[in-house]
Amino acid sequence: MCRITRLLFASLLALHAGSACALQVRFDLPTARAQTRDHLSALPQQAVQAVKNGTDIEEAVRSFNGSAFGHLRLASDLAGRNMSRAYLEVERA
């Protein structure tokens, strides 16, 4: 598991757990894993592109396209923090 995956995994599990609690349904681990994988793929891809384009971190955070994860209760709360972490990790590499 890469560093960015480890950093973001706990945040993303909170997204799914928050959704499950809000809807009073059982936590669907296979779905959560698939959505987490998709989100963790989108973050570094967009961060790499932003760094390559010379986009500063604030603009990269503002322009992160997390619309596919908008149905998750905490997605909008965590998207900026997660994108900034991904950006800094890519920038360090």
Protein backbone atom coordinates (compact mmCIF):
# COMPACT_ATOMS: atom_id res chain seq x y z
CA MET A 1 0.00 0.00 0.00
CA CYS A 2 1.54 3.32 -1.03
CA ARG A 3 1.94 6.21 1.38
CA ILE A 4 -0.92 8.25 -0.05
CA THR A 5 -3.25 5.25 0.19
CA ARG A 6 -2.41 4.77 3.86
CA LEU A 7 -2.89 8.47 4.60
CA LEU A 8 -6.29 8.63 2.97
CA PHE A 9 -7.78 5.24 3.80
CA ALA A 10 -9.04 6.22 7.26
CA SER A 11 -10.68 9.37 5.89
CA LEU A 12 -12.41 7.45 3.15
CA LEU A 13 -13.69 4.80 5.51
CA ALA A 14 -15.25 7.63 7.48
CA LEU A 15 -17.05 8.67 4.30
CA HIS A 16 -18.65 5.27 4.00
CA ALA A 17 -19.35 4.79 7.68
CA GLY A 18 -21.00 8.21 7.79
CA SER A 19 -23.22 7.24 4.88
CA ALA A 20 -24.20 3.96 6.47
CA CYS A 21 -25.05 5.61 9.80
CA ALA A 22 -27.07 8.37 8.17
CA LEU A 23 -29.13 5.88 6.20
CA GLN A 24 -29.47 3.34 9.03
CA VAL A 25 -28.26 0.50 6.78
CA ARG A 26 -25.60 -2.14 7.16
CA PHE A 27 -22.11 -1.15 6.06
CA ASP A 28 -21.43 -2.66 2.63
CA LEU A 29 -17.70 -3.40 2.73
CA PRO A 30 -17.29 -4.53 -0.92
CA THR A 31 -18.94 -1.33 -2.13
CA ALA A 32 -16.89 0.77 0.28
CA ARG A 33 -13.68 -0.86 -0.93
CA ALA A 34 -14.57 -0.30 -4.59
CA GLN A 35 -15.48 3.35 -4.01
CA THR A 36 -12.36 3.86 -1.90
CA ARG A 37 -10.19 2.35 -4.64
CA ASP A 38 -11.79 4.62 -7.23
CA HIS A 39 -11.33 7.70 -5.05
CA LEU A 40 -7.72 6.82 -4.23
CA SER A 41 -7.04 6.44 -7.95
CA ALA A 42 -8.63 9.78 -8.82
CA LEU A 43 -6.72 11.79 -6.20
CA PRO A 44 -3.15 11.05 -7.29
CA GLN A 45 -4.07 11.15 -10.99
CA GLN A 46 -5.47 14.65 -10.64
CA ALA A 47 -2.62 15.71 -8.33
CA VAL A 48 0.01 14.52 -10.81
CA GLN A 49 -1.72 16.42 -13.59
CA ALA A 50 -1.91 19.58 -11.47
CA VAL A 51 1.80 19.43 -10.57
CA LYS A 52 2.75 18.78 -14.21
CA ASN A 53 0.66 21.76 -15.32
CA GLY A 54 2.22 24.01 -12.69
CA THR A 55 -1.12 24.48 -10.91
CA ASP A 56 -0.65 25.74 -7.37
CA ILE A 57 -2.00 23.71 -4.48
CA GLU A 58 -4.95 26.01 -3.73
CA GLU A 59 -6.21 25.82 -7.31
CA ALA A 60 -5.63 22.04 -7.39
CA VAL A 61 -7.76 21.64 -4.26
CA ARG A 62 -10.51 23.90 -5.65
CA SER A 63 -10.56 22.12 -9.00
CA PHE A 64 -10.55 18.53 -7.69
CA ASN A 65 -13.35 16.68 -9.45
CA GLY A 66 -14.85 14.49 -6.76
CA SER A 67 -18.36 14.56 -8.20
CA ALA A 68 -18.43 10.77 -8.45
CA PHE A 69 -18.21 10.63 -4.66
CA GLY A 70 -20.73 13.35 -3.83
CA HIS A 71 -23.26 10.81 -2.56
CA LEU A 72 -20.98 9.99 0.37
CA ARG A 73 -21.96 12.03 3.40
CA LEU A 74 -18.54 13.45 4.26
CA ALA A 75 -17.08 13.63 0.75
CA SER A 76 -17.24 17.41 0.46
CA ASP A 77 -15.77 17.83 3.96
CA LEU A 78 -12.75 15.63 3.26
CA ALA A 79 -12.09 16.27 -0.44
CA GLY A 80 -9.97 19.38 0.04
CA ARG A 81 -7.80 17.86 2.75
CA ASN A 82 -7.34 14.65 0.78
CA MET A 83 -6.45 16.49 -2.43
CA SER A 84 -3.94 18.71 -0.65
CA ARG A 85 -2.27 15.62 0.85
CA ALA A 86 -2.13 13.96 -2.56
CA TYR A 87 -0.71 17.11 -4.15
CA LEU A 88 2.03 17.46 -1.50
CA GLU A 89 2.92 13.79 -1.82
CA VAL A 90 3.25 14.07 -5.62
CA GLU A 91 5.25 17.28 -5.28
CA ARG A 92 7.70 15.59 -2.88
CA ALA A 93 8.29 12.65 -5.23
